[in-house]
Amino acid sequence: MTILMPPCRFSEPAAFGRVAVLMGGDSSEREVSLNSGRNVLDALLARGVNAVPVDGVPALIELAQRGVIDRVFNIMHGSSGENGVVQGVLEGLGIPYTGSGVLGSALTLDKIRTKQVWLSINLPTPRYERLAVGANVREAADRIGFPLIVKPSLEGSSVGVTRVFGPEKLDAAIELAARYGRELLMEQLIEGGEYTVSILAGVALPSIQIVPTNEYYDYHAKYISDDTRYICPGLNGTDEEQIRALALAAFDSSGASGWGRVDVMKDSVGKNWLLEVNTTPGMTSHSLVPKSAAAAGIGFEELVWRILETSIEASDK
């Protein structure tokens, strides 16, 4: 599929200085982040970039205070890597970084607040209930109706997510989600096709339709299974244009920037429903952004280079 991307802005790796590839950390997505980080590091080194691995925020701060890094490629998934903490620290230190700024990171990690923003500008997202501690879960489920999904509001990678088709499974779903956060999201389950659209430097890349062998695209399907099918582009003609335009609008309106991914469901009558934004997507062998970039003619090393370029373009965020 032809996607019009501008040429890379830089040809010499020295333009980036010394790059810290931030990975790992202490979130539930640590192992995925380490995998992504190793791939990113290898790609940068292959392109001649002076890059070093950094595991977690304390190690990053120590290097930053020593003045031995010039910018950060953030590939630390979840928690401090995506909630605005790292972004705030780096801005305070005056160190450029990849990905969204403080506002976009904090907002999009919070699925509930992201939905509130989308609804305020009439972007389609499934109806939902915010479940604070002590909330009446049964009443919330009655308002949403079955089937529904229960998930932590501040987690990614399908951690703590349960599809609930009847009241007998509700308590177990709440118990699982509550292991990963105090505030939970109960959401209408949209049954249909699963899609994702990657965003790179203001351009929506070809959509991907995700066809898991299990009921839905869970953690196993994302990171372990080799049986999940990925169709890219996921749609054709006007349908493809519409889902990409919707994803870009959702990304921009939530304050996200640089690069990321927007997840969308298409229901049985063809309507698109926004689910969430991921501001630091995976870069593993199973990950979606590299697959979408490849369909647009962008190899993995070039993709990593282009993402790193956004740290220069967005140094004023």
C-alpha atoms as a PDB file:
ATOM      1  CA  MET A   1       0.000   0.000   0.000  1.00  0.00           C
ATOM      2  CA  THR A   2       1.366   3.415  -0.955  1.00  0.00           C
ATOM      3  CA  ILE A   3       1.743   5.843   1.939  1.00  0.00           C
ATOM      4  CA  LEU A   4       3.345   9.206   1.248  1.00  0.00           C
ATOM      5  CA  MET A   5       5.993   9.640   3.937  1.00  0.00           C
ATOM      6  CA  PRO A   6       8.422  12.545   3.760  1.00  0.00           C
ATOM      7  CA  PRO A   7      12.082  11.600   3.440  1.00  0.00           C
ATOM      8  CA  CYS A   8      14.046  11.109   6.631  1.00  0.00           C
ATOM      9  CA  ARG A   9      15.299  14.434   7.935  1.00  0.00           C
ATOM     10  CA  PHE A  10      18.738  13.208   8.929  1.00  0.00           C
ATOM     11  CA  SER A  11      21.230  10.917   7.284  1.00  0.00           C
ATOM     12  CA  GLU A  12      24.062  11.004   9.824  1.00  0.00           C
ATOM     13  CA  PRO A  13      23.701   9.157  13.161  1.00  0.00           C
ATOM     14  CA  ALA A  14      25.797  11.817  14.873  1.00  0.00           C
ATOM     15  CA  ALA A  15      22.768  14.134  14.643  1.00  0.00           C
ATOM     16  CA  PHE A  16      21.202  12.255  17.568  1.00  0.00           C
ATOM     17  CA  GLY A  17      24.185  12.319  19.922  1.00  0.00           C
ATOM     18  CA  ARG A  18      24.234   9.614  22.582  1.00  0.00           C
ATOM     19  CA  VAL A  19      20.860   7.895  22.865  1.00  0.00           C
ATOM     20  CA  ALA A  20      19.560   6.093  25.935  1.00  0.00           C
ATOM     21  CA  VAL A  21      17.128   3.313  25.005  1.00  0.00           C
ATOM     22  CA  LEU A  22      14.822   3.218  28.018  1.00  0.00           C
ATOM     23  CA  MET A  23      13.273  -0.207  28.585  1.00  0.00           C
ATOM     24  CA  GLY A  24      12.220  -2.631  31.289  1.00  0.00           C
ATOM     25  CA  GLY A  25      11.091  -0.869  34.443  1.00  0.00           C
ATOM     26  CA  ASP A  26       8.829  -2.436  37.028  1.00  0.00           C
ATOM     27  CA  SER A  27       5.407  -2.581  35.351  1.00  0.00           C
ATOM     28  CA  SER A  28       3.457  -5.715  34.444  1.00  0.00           C
ATOM     29  CA  GLU A  29       4.784  -5.233  30.891  1.00  0.00           C
ATOM     30  CA  ARG A  30       8.455  -5.406  31.871  1.00  0.00           C
ATOM     31  CA  GLU A  31       9.375  -8.507  29.856  1.00  0.00           C
ATOM     32  CA  VAL A  32       7.679  -7.228  26.711  1.00  0.00           C
ATOM     33  CA  SER A  33       9.469  -3.900  27.137  1.00  0.00           C
ATOM     34  CA  LEU A  34      12.851  -5.595  27.474  1.00  0.00           C
ATOM     35  CA  ASN A  35      12.167  -7.527  24.275  1.00  0.00           C
ATOM     36  CA  SER A  36      11.128  -4.357  22.461  1.00  0.00           C
ATOM     37  CA  GLY A  37      14.094  -2.466  23.842  1.00  0.00           C
ATOM     38  CA  ARG A  38      16.632  -5.007  22.644  1.00  0.00           C
ATOM     39  CA  ASN A  39      15.178  -4.845  19.138  1.00  0.00           C
ATOM     40  CA  VAL A  40      15.260  -1.047  19.108  1.00  0.00           C
ATOM     41  CA  LEU A  41      18.813  -0.977  20.449  1.00  0.00           C
ATOM     42  CA  ASP A  42      20.025  -3.430  17.810  1.00  0.00           C
ATOM     43  CA  ALA A  43      18.383  -1.371  15.044  1.00  0.00           C
ATOM     44  CA  LEU A  44      19.980   1.854  16.232  1.00  0.00           C
ATOM     45  CA  LEU A  45      23.406   0.274  16.565  1.00  0.00           C
ATOM     46  CA  ALA A  46      23.054  -1.205  13.080  1.00  0.00           C
ATOM     47  CA  ARG A  47      22.482   2.329  11.781  1.00  0.00           C
ATOM     48  CA  GLY A  48      25.567   3.634  13.586  1.00  0.00           C
ATOM     49  CA  VAL A  49      23.733   5.466  16.365  1.00  0.00           C
ATOM     50  CA  ASN A  50      25.612   5.783  19.657  1.00  0.00           C
ATOM     51  CA  ALA A  51      22.961   4.034  21.770  1.00  0.00           C
ATOM     52  CA  VAL A  52      23.047   2.424  25.211  1.00  0.00           C
ATOM     53  CA  PRO A  53      20.428   0.325  27.051  1.00  0.00           C
ATOM     54  CA  VAL A  54      18.915   1.713  30.251  1.00  0.00           C
ATOM     55  CA  ASP A  55      16.668  -0.378  32.491  1.00  0.00           C
ATOM     56  CA  GLY A  56      14.157   1.678  34.458  1.00  0.00           C
ATOM     57  CA  VAL A  57      13.744   5.214  35.742  1.00  0.00           C
ATOM     58  CA  PRO A  58      16.399   5.297  38.502  1.00  0.00           C
ATOM     59  CA  ALA A  59      19.116   4.223  36.070  1.00  0.00           C
ATOM     60  CA  LEU A  60      17.914   6.810  33.565  1.00  0.00           C
ATOM     61  CA  ILE A  61      18.018   9.605  36.121  1.00  0.00           C
ATOM     62  CA  GLU A  62      21.525   8.597  37.177  1.00  0.00           C
ATOM     63  CA  LEU A  63      22.788   8.807  33.584  1.00  0.00           C
ATOM     64  CA  ALA A  64      20.951  12.061  32.958  1.00  0.00           C
ATOM     65  CA  GLN A  65      22.439  13.687  36.027  1.00  0.00           C
ATOM     66  CA  ARG A  66      25.890  12.660  34.870  1.00  0.00           C
ATOM     67  CA  GLY A  67      25.227  14.463  31.598  1.00  0.00           C
ATOM     68  CA  VAL A  68      26.209  11.513  29.425  1.00  0.00           C
ATOM     69  CA  ILE A  69      23.049  11.190  27.307  1.00  0.00           C
ATOM     70  CA  ASP A  70      21.631  13.566  24.708  1.00  0.00           C
ATOM     71  CA  ARG A  71      18.198  12.069  24.118  1.00  0.00           C
ATOM     72  CA  VAL A  72      16.002   9.117  25.065  1.00  0.00           C
ATOM     73  CA  PHE A  73      14.263   6.518  22.951  1.00  0.00           C
ATOM     74  CA  ASN A  74      11.480   5.547  25.336  1.00  0.00           C
ATOM     75  CA  ILE A  75      10.292   1.963  24.873  1.00  0.00           C
ATOM     76  CA  MET A  76       9.329   1.343  28.512  1.00  0.00           C
ATOM     77  CA  HIS A  77       5.752   0.075  28.366  1.00  0.00           C
ATOM     78  CA  GLY A  78       3.111   0.857  30.970  1.00  0.00           C
ATOM     79  CA  SER A  79       3.393   2.520  34.373  1.00  0.00           C
ATOM     80  CA  SER A  80       6.131   5.176  34.600  1.00  0.00           C
ATOM     81  CA  GLY A  81       7.071   4.818  30.947  1.00  0.00           C
ATOM     82  CA  GLU A  82       3.680   5.890  29.646  1.00  0.00           C
ATOM     83  CA  ASN A  83       1.953   7.827  32.419  1.00  0.00           C
ATOM     84  CA  GLY A  84       3.842  11.120  32.104  1.00  0.00           C
ATOM     85  CA  VAL A  85       6.376  10.471  34.871  1.00  0.00           C
ATOM     86  CA  VAL A  86       9.396   9.825  32.642  1.00  0.00           C
ATOM     87  CA  GLN A  87       8.260  12.544  30.279  1.00  0.00           C
ATOM     88  CA  GLY A  88       8.090  15.083  33.121  1.00  0.00           C
ATOM     89  CA  VAL A  89      11.500  14.103  34.442  1.00  0.00           C
ATOM     90  CA  LEU A  90      13.097  14.444  31.016  1.00  0.00           C
ATOM     91  CA  GLU A  91      11.445  17.782  30.334  1.00  0.00           C
ATOM     92  CA  GLY A  92      12.677  19.053  33.685  1.00  0.00           C
ATOM     93  CA  LEU A  93      16.183  17.976  32.724  1.00  0.00           C
ATOM     94  CA  GLY A  94      15.886  19.393  29.208  1.00  0.00           C
ATOM     95  CA  ILE A  95      16.478  16.035  27.508  1.00  0.00           C
ATOM     96  CA  PRO A  96      14.507  15.295  24.288  1.00  0.00           C
ATOM     97  CA  TYR A  97      12.659  11.980  24.032  1.00  0.00           C
ATOM     98  CA  THR A  98      10.494   9.978  21.671  1.00  0.00           C
ATOM     99  CA  GLY A  99       6.754   9.620  21.998  1.00  0.00           C
ATOM    100  CA  SER A 100       4.036  11.725  23.548  1.00  0.00           C
ATOM    101  CA  GLY A 101       4.595  14.501  26.056  1.00  0.00           C
ATOM    102  CA  VAL A 102       3.379  14.654  29.644  1.00  0.00           C
ATOM    103  CA  LEU A 103      -0.264  15.392  28.848  1.00  0.00           C
ATOM    104  CA  GLY A 104      -0.676  12.900  26.006  1.00  0.00           C
ATOM    105  CA  SER A 105       1.081  10.150  27.954  1.00  0.00           C
ATOM    106  CA  ALA A 106      -0.876  10.625  31.172  1.00  0.00           C
ATOM    107  CA  LEU A 107      -4.226  11.009  29.456  1.00  0.00           C
ATOM    108  CA  THR A 108      -4.005   8.068  27.070  1.00  0.00           C
ATOM    109  CA  LEU A 109      -2.788   5.631  29.712  1.00  0.00           C
ATOM    110  CA  ASP A 110      -6.052   6.405  31.528  1.00  0.00           C
ATOM    111  CA  LYS A 111      -8.687   4.703  29.387  1.00  0.00           C
ATOM    112  CA  ILE A 112     -11.596   6.384  31.168  1.00  0.00           C
ATOM    113  CA  ARG A 113     -10.354   9.964  30.739  1.00  0.00           C
ATOM    114  CA  THR A 114      -9.434   9.269  27.123  1.00  0.00           C
ATOM    115  CA  LYS A 115     -13.008   8.159  26.436  1.00  0.00           C
ATOM    116  CA  GLN A 116     -14.321  11.304  28.107  1.00  0.00           C
ATOM    117  CA  VAL A 117     -12.258  13.449  25.735  1.00  0.00           C
ATOM    118  CA  TRP A 118     -13.436  11.496  22.680  1.00  0.00           C
ATOM    119  CA  LEU A 119     -17.072  11.720  23.695  1.00  0.00           C
ATOM    120  CA  SER A 120     -16.751  15.472  24.227  1.00  0.00           C
ATOM    121  CA  ILE A 121     -15.968  15.883  20.501  1.00  0.00           C
ATOM    122  CA  ASN A 122     -18.356  13.174  19.303  1.00  0.00           C
ATOM    123  CA  LEU A 123     -15.811  10.506  18.437  1.00  0.00           C
ATOM    124  CA  PRO A 124     -17.354   7.015  18.696  1.00  0.00           C
ATOM    125  CA  THR A 125     -16.332   4.857  21.650  1.00  0.00           C
ATOM    126  CA  PRO A 126     -18.280   2.094  23.427  1.00  0.00           C
ATOM    127  CA  ARG A 127     -20.477   3.137  26.361  1.00  0.00           C
ATOM    128  CA  TYR A 128     -18.807   2.603  29.708  1.00  0.00           C
ATOM    129  CA  GLU A 129     -18.979   2.826  33.473  1.00  0.00           C
ATOM    130  CA  ARG A 130     -16.202   3.992  35.781  1.00  0.00           C
ATOM    131  CA  LEU A 131     -15.869   1.591  38.697  1.00  0.00           C
ATOM    132  CA  ALA A 132     -14.297   3.272  41.710  1.00  0.00           C
ATOM    133  CA  VAL A 133     -13.637   1.300  44.886  1.00  0.00           C
ATOM    134  CA  GLY A 134     -16.973   0.349  46.405  1.00  0.00           C
ATOM    135  CA  ALA A 135     -18.987   0.910  43.208  1.00  0.00           C
ATOM    136  CA  ASN A 136     -22.166  -1.116  42.708  1.00  0.00           C
ATOM    137  CA  VAL A 137     -20.923  -3.487  40.044  1.00  0.00           C
ATOM    138  CA  ARG A 138     -24.294  -5.141  39.403  1.00  0.00           C
ATOM    139  CA  GLU A 139     -26.038  -1.832  38.761  1.00  0.00           C
ATOM    140  CA  ALA A 140     -23.237  -0.754  36.426  1.00  0.00           C
ATOM    141  CA  ALA A 141     -23.536  -4.014  34.495  1.00  0.00           C
ATOM    142  CA  ASP A 142     -27.302  -3.521  34.185  1.00  0.00           C
ATOM    143  CA  ARG A 143     -26.716  -0.089  32.672  1.00  0.00           C
ATOM    144  CA  ILE A 144     -24.118  -1.372  30.205  1.00  0.00           C
ATOM    145  CA  GLY A 145     -25.807  -4.667  29.411  1.00  0.00           C
ATOM    146  CA  PHE A 146     -24.169  -7.972  28.564  1.00  0.00           C
ATOM    147  CA  PRO A 147     -21.847  -8.796  26.899  1.00  0.00           C
ATOM    148  CA  LEU A 148     -19.326  -6.410  28.410  1.00  0.00           C
ATOM    149  CA  ILE A 149     -15.621  -6.083  29.186  1.00  0.00           C
ATOM    150  CA  VAL A 150     -13.988  -5.410  32.548  1.00  0.00           C
ATOM    151  CA  LYS A 151     -10.438  -4.055  32.576  1.00  0.00           C
ATOM    152  CA  PRO A 152      -8.067  -1.964  34.720  1.00  0.00           C
ATOM    153  CA  SER A 153      -8.175   1.679  33.681  1.00  0.00           C
ATOM    154  CA  LEU A 154      -4.390   2.091  33.748  1.00  0.00           C
ATOM    155  CA  GLU A 155      -2.959  -1.077  32.200  1.00  0.00           C
ATOM    156  CA  GLY A 156      -2.016  -2.198  28.700  1.00  0.00           C
ATOM    157  CA  SER A 157      -1.231  -5.419  26.806  1.00  0.00           C
ATOM    158  CA  SER A 158      -4.665  -6.864  27.731  1.00  0.00           C
ATOM    159  CA  VAL A 159      -3.482  -7.328  31.324  1.00  0.00           C
ATOM    160  CA  GLY A 160      -6.400  -7.998  33.679  1.00  0.00           C
ATOM    161  CA  VAL A 161      -9.012  -7.938  30.906  1.00  0.00           C
ATOM    162  CA  THR A 162     -12.070 -10.232  30.913  1.00  0.00           C
ATOM    163  CA  ARG A 163     -14.933 -10.553  28.449  1.00  0.00           C
ATOM    164  CA  VAL A 164     -18.120 -11.141  30.438  1.00  0.00           C
ATOM    165  CA  PHE A 165     -21.181 -12.655  28.753  1.00  0.00           C
ATOM    166  CA  GLY A 166     -23.357 -13.121  31.824  1.00  0.00           C
ATOM    167  CA  PRO A 167     -23.679 -12.110  35.502  1.00  0.00           C
ATOM    168  CA  GLU A 168     -22.233 -15.389  36.781  1.00  0.00           C
ATOM    169  CA  LYS A 169     -18.742 -14.380  35.557  1.00  0.00           C
ATOM    170  CA  LEU A 170     -18.833 -10.773  36.763  1.00  0.00           C
ATOM    171  CA  ASP A 171     -17.305 -11.190  40.229  1.00  0.00           C
ATOM    172  CA  ALA A 172     -14.310 -13.113  38.903  1.00  0.00           C
ATOM    173  CA  ALA A 173     -13.716 -10.446  36.233  1.00  0.00           C
ATOM    174  CA  ILE A 174     -13.769  -7.673  38.847  1.00  0.00           C
ATOM    175  CA  GLU A 175     -11.415  -9.600  41.104  1.00  0.00           C
ATOM    176  CA  LEU A 176      -8.900 -10.114  38.286  1.00  0.00           C
ATOM    177  CA  ALA A 177      -8.946  -6.488  37.110  1.00  0.00           C
ATOM    178  CA  ALA A 178      -8.648  -5.192  40.681  1.00  0.00           C
ATOM    179  CA  ARG A 179      -5.254  -6.909  41.002  1.00  0.00           C
ATOM    180  CA  TYR A 180      -3.879  -4.288  38.594  1.00  0.00           C
ATOM    181  CA  GLY A 181      -5.529  -1.087  39.781  1.00  0.00           C
ATOM    182  CA  ARG A 182      -8.104   0.465  42.071  1.00  0.00           C
ATOM    183  CA  GLU A 183     -10.133   2.170  39.353  1.00  0.00           C
ATOM    184  CA  LEU A 184     -11.706  -0.152  36.787  1.00  0.00           C
ATOM    185  CA  LEU A 185     -13.418   0.299  33.442  1.00  0.00           C
ATOM    186  CA  MET A 186     -16.575  -1.587  32.512  1.00  0.00           C
ATOM    187  CA  GLU A 187     -17.257  -1.252  28.824  1.00  0.00           C
ATOM    188  CA  GLN A 188     -19.782  -2.392  26.255  1.00  0.00           C
ATOM    189  CA  LEU A 189     -18.342  -5.332  24.323  1.00  0.00           C
ATOM    190  CA  ILE A 190     -18.297  -4.596  20.612  1.00  0.00           C
ATOM    191  CA  GLU A 191     -18.425  -7.877  18.733  1.00  0.00           C
ATOM    192  CA  GLY A 192     -16.884  -7.726  15.286  1.00  0.00           C
ATOM    193  CA  GLY A 193     -13.537  -7.171  13.616  1.00  0.00           C
ATOM    194  CA  GLU A 194     -10.474  -6.060  15.578  1.00  0.00           C
ATOM    195  CA  TYR A 195      -8.296  -3.407  13.936  1.00  0.00           C
ATOM    196  CA  THR A 196      -5.378  -1.222  14.820  1.00  0.00           C
ATOM    197  CA  VAL A 197      -3.905   1.833  13.111  1.00  0.00           C
ATOM    198  CA  SER A 198      -0.321   2.936  13.712  1.00  0.00           C
ATOM    199  CA  ILE A 199       0.595   6.625  13.710  1.00  0.00           C
ATOM    200  CA  LEU A 200       4.049   7.836  12.724  1.00  0.00           C
ATOM    201  CA  ALA A 201       4.998  11.532  12.645  1.00  0.00           C
ATOM    202  CA  GLY A 202       1.452  12.662  11.874  1.00  0.00           C
ATOM    203  CA  VAL A 203       0.742   9.978   9.270  1.00  0.00           C
ATOM    204  CA  ALA A 204      -1.717   7.110   9.730  1.00  0.00           C
ATOM    205  CA  LEU A 205      -0.127   3.927   8.402  1.00  0.00           C
ATOM    206  CA  PRO A 206      -2.135   1.064   6.839  1.00  0.00           C
ATOM    207  CA  SER A 207      -4.639  -0.516   9.205  1.00  0.00           C
ATOM    208  CA  ILE A 208      -4.220  -4.080  10.404  1.00  0.00           C
ATOM    209  CA  GLN A 209      -7.071  -6.514  10.933  1.00  0.00           C
ATOM    210  CA  ILE A 210      -6.225  -8.881  13.764  1.00  0.00           C
ATOM    211  CA  VAL A 211      -7.615 -12.396  13.497  1.00  0.00           C
ATOM    212  CA  PRO A 212      -6.713 -14.392  16.633  1.00  0.00           C
ATOM    213  CA  THR A 213      -7.364 -18.107  16.902  1.00  0.00           C
ATOM    214  CA  ASN A 214      -8.875 -17.605  20.354  1.00  0.00           C
ATOM    215  CA  GLU A 215     -11.969 -15.558  21.184  1.00  0.00           C
ATOM    216  CA  TYR A 216     -10.101 -12.280  21.176  1.00  0.00           C
ATOM    217  CA  TYR A 217      -6.667 -10.657  20.985  1.00  0.00           C
ATOM    218  CA  ASP A 218      -5.401 -11.416  24.506  1.00  0.00           C
ATOM    219  CA  TYR A 219      -1.877 -11.334  25.956  1.00  0.00           C
ATOM    220  CA  HIS A 220      -1.058 -14.799  24.577  1.00  0.00           C
ATOM    221  CA  ALA A 221      -2.220 -13.862  21.088  1.00  0.00           C
ATOM    222  CA  LYS A 222      -0.248 -10.606  21.194  1.00  0.00           C
ATOM    223  CA  TYR A 223       3.121 -11.842  22.386  1.00  0.00           C
ATOM    224  CA  ILE A 224       3.324 -15.629  22.270  1.00  0.00           C
ATOM    225  CA  SER A 225       1.102 -17.287  19.669  1.00  0.00           C
ATOM    226  CA  ASP A 226       2.322 -17.713  16.118  1.00  0.00           C
ATOM    227  CA  ASP A 227      -1.197 -18.552  14.923  1.00  0.00           C
ATOM    228  CA  THR A 228      -2.661 -15.044  15.050  1.00  0.00           C
ATOM    229  CA  ARG A 229      -3.309 -13.704  11.533  1.00  0.00           C
ATOM    230  CA  TYR A 230      -2.597 -10.103  10.585  1.00  0.00           C
ATOM    231  CA  ILE A 231      -4.199  -8.679   7.448  1.00  0.00           C
ATOM    232  CA  CYS A 232      -2.613  -5.430   6.272  1.00  0.00           C
ATOM    233  CA  PRO A 233      -4.135  -3.281   5.028  1.00  0.00           C
ATOM    234  CA  GLY A 234      -7.093  -4.477   7.018  1.00  0.00           C
ATOM    235  CA  LEU A 235      -9.637  -2.689   4.839  1.00  0.00           C
ATOM    236  CA  ASN A 236      -9.946  -1.317   1.329  1.00  0.00           C
ATOM    237  CA  GLY A 237     -11.075   1.853  -0.372  1.00  0.00           C
ATOM    238  CA  THR A 238     -13.267   4.257   1.597  1.00  0.00           C
ATOM    239  CA  ASP A 239     -13.404   1.966   4.630  1.00  0.00           C
ATOM    240  CA  GLU A 240      -9.616   2.070   4.929  1.00  0.00           C
ATOM    241  CA  GLU A 241      -9.556   5.844   4.526  1.00  0.00           C
ATOM    242  CA  GLN A 242     -12.226   6.275   7.189  1.00  0.00           C
ATOM    243  CA  ILE A 243     -10.603   4.112   9.831  1.00  0.00           C
ATOM    244  CA  ARG A 244      -7.236   5.797   9.333  1.00  0.00           C
ATOM    245  CA  ALA A 245      -8.795   9.265   9.536  1.00  0.00           C
ATOM    246  CA  LEU A 246     -10.688   8.313  12.686  1.00  0.00           C
ATOM    247  CA  ALA A 247      -7.556   6.898  14.316  1.00  0.00           C
ATOM    248  CA  LEU A 248      -5.562  10.032  13.536  1.00  0.00           C
ATOM    249  CA  ALA A 249      -8.327  12.246  14.963  1.00  0.00           C
ATOM    250  CA  ALA A 250      -8.446  10.102  18.110  1.00  0.00           C
ATOM    251  CA  PHE A 251      -4.660  10.237  18.477  1.00  0.00           C
ATOM    252  CA  ASP A 252      -4.407  14.003  18.016  1.00  0.00           C
ATOM    253  CA  SER A 253      -7.387  14.853  20.224  1.00  0.00           C
ATOM    254  CA  SER A 254      -5.970  12.872  23.130  1.00  0.00           C
ATOM    255  CA  GLY A 255      -2.765  14.897  23.131  1.00  0.00           C
ATOM    256  CA  ALA A 256      -0.633  12.068  21.765  1.00  0.00           C
ATOM    257  CA  SER A 257       2.277  12.859  19.455  1.00  0.00           C
ATOM    258  CA  GLY A 258       5.287  11.383  17.680  1.00  0.00           C
ATOM    259  CA  TRP A 259       4.234   7.793  17.224  1.00  0.00           C
ATOM    260  CA  GLY A 260       1.747   5.344  18.649  1.00  0.00           C
ATOM    261  CA  ARG A 261      -1.172   3.092  17.870  1.00  0.00           C
ATOM    262  CA  VAL A 262      -4.960   3.374  18.032  1.00  0.00           C
ATOM    263  CA  ASP A 263      -7.117   0.279  18.546  1.00  0.00           C
ATOM    264  CA  VAL A 264     -10.533   0.127  16.881  1.00  0.00           C
ATOM    265  CA  MET A 265     -13.427  -2.339  16.678  1.00  0.00           C
ATOM    266  CA  LYS A 266     -15.719  -2.561  13.648  1.00  0.00           C
ATOM    267  CA  ASP A 267     -19.158  -3.896  14.562  1.00  0.00           C
ATOM    268  CA  SER A 268     -21.516  -6.086  12.547  1.00  0.00           C
ATOM    269  CA  VAL A 269     -23.013  -3.101  10.690  1.00  0.00           C
ATOM    270  CA  GLY A 270     -19.611  -1.615   9.825  1.00  0.00           C
ATOM    271  CA  LYS A 271     -19.402   1.159  12.426  1.00  0.00           C
ATOM    272  CA  ASN A 272     -15.982   1.929  13.909  1.00  0.00           C
ATOM    273  CA  TRP A 273     -15.555   2.175  17.695  1.00  0.00           C
ATOM    274  CA  LEU A 274     -12.442   3.609  19.335  1.00  0.00           C
ATOM    275  CA  LEU A 275     -10.974   1.566  22.179  1.00  0.00           C
ATOM    276  CA  GLU A 276      -7.692   3.106  23.282  1.00  0.00           C
ATOM    277  CA  VAL A 277      -4.396   4.772  22.356  1.00  0.00           C
ATOM    278  CA  ASN A 278      -1.016   3.191  23.008  1.00  0.00           C
ATOM    279  CA  THR A 279       1.742   5.812  23.126  1.00  0.00           C
ATOM    280  CA  THR A 280       4.620   3.340  23.508  1.00  0.00           C
ATOM    281  CA  PRO A 281       3.650   0.295  21.427  1.00  0.00           C
ATOM    282  CA  GLY A 282       5.589  -2.932  21.328  1.00  0.00           C
ATOM    283  CA  MET A 283       8.496  -3.422  18.959  1.00  0.00           C
ATOM    284  CA  THR A 284       8.766  -7.210  19.224  1.00  0.00           C
ATOM    285  CA  SER A 285       8.559  -9.837  16.493  1.00  0.00           C
ATOM    286  CA  HIS A 286       4.798 -10.029  17.127  1.00  0.00           C
ATOM    287  CA  SER A 287       4.197  -6.279  17.329  1.00  0.00           C
ATOM    288  CA  LEU A 288       1.829  -4.339  15.116  1.00  0.00           C
ATOM    289  CA  VAL A 289       3.576  -1.042  14.357  1.00  0.00           C
ATOM    290  CA  PRO A 290       6.470  -2.778  12.537  1.00  0.00           C
ATOM    291  CA  LYS A 291       3.968  -4.847  10.525  1.00  0.00           C
ATOM    292  CA  SER A 292       2.045  -1.741   9.454  1.00  0.00           C
ATOM    293  CA  ALA A 293       5.246   0.135   8.631  1.00  0.00           C
ATOM    294  CA  ALA A 294       6.469  -2.786   6.527  1.00  0.00           C
ATOM    295  CA  ALA A 295       3.251  -2.681   4.512  1.00  0.00           C
ATOM    296  CA  ALA A 296       4.012   0.981   3.813  1.00  0.00           C
ATOM    297  CA  GLY A 297       7.517   0.101   2.624  1.00  0.00           C
ATOM    298  CA  ILE A 298       9.312   1.066   5.849  1.00  0.00           C
ATOM    299  CA  GLY A 299      11.693  -1.562   7.225  1.00  0.00           C
ATOM    300  CA  PHE A 300      12.346  -2.012  10.936  1.00  0.00           C
ATOM    301  CA  GLU A 301      15.628  -0.104  11.058  1.00  0.00           C
ATOM    302  CA  GLU A 302      14.139   2.813   9.131  1.00  0.00           C
ATOM    303  CA  LEU A 303      11.077   2.776  11.389  1.00  0.00           C
ATOM    304  CA  VAL A 304      13.251   3.041  14.499  1.00  0.00           C
ATOM    305  CA  TRP A 305      15.268   5.836  12.874  1.00  0.00           C
ATOM    306  CA  ARG A 306      12.096   7.754  11.999  1.00  0.00           C
ATOM    307  CA  ILE A 307      10.750   7.376  15.527  1.00  0.00           C
ATOM    308  CA  LEU A 308      14.032   8.701  16.892  1.00  0.00           C
ATOM    309  CA  GLU A 309      13.756  11.664  14.524  1.00  0.00           C
ATOM    310  CA  THR A 310      10.512  12.671  16.235  1.00  0.00           C
ATOM    311  CA  SER A 311      12.515  13.403  19.384  1.00  0.00           C
ATOM    312  CA  ILE A 312      14.146  16.246  17.461  1.00  0.00           C
ATOM    313  CA  GLU A 313      10.924  17.429  15.831  1.00  0.00           C
ATOM    314  CA  ALA A 314       9.096  17.410  19.169  1.00  0.00           C
ATOM    315  CA  SER A 315      11.790  18.935  21.361  1.00  0.00           C
ATOM    316  CA  ASP A 316       9.414  21.804  22.148  1.00  0.00           C
ATOM    317  CA  LYS A 317       6.556  19.644  23.431  1.00  0.00           C
END
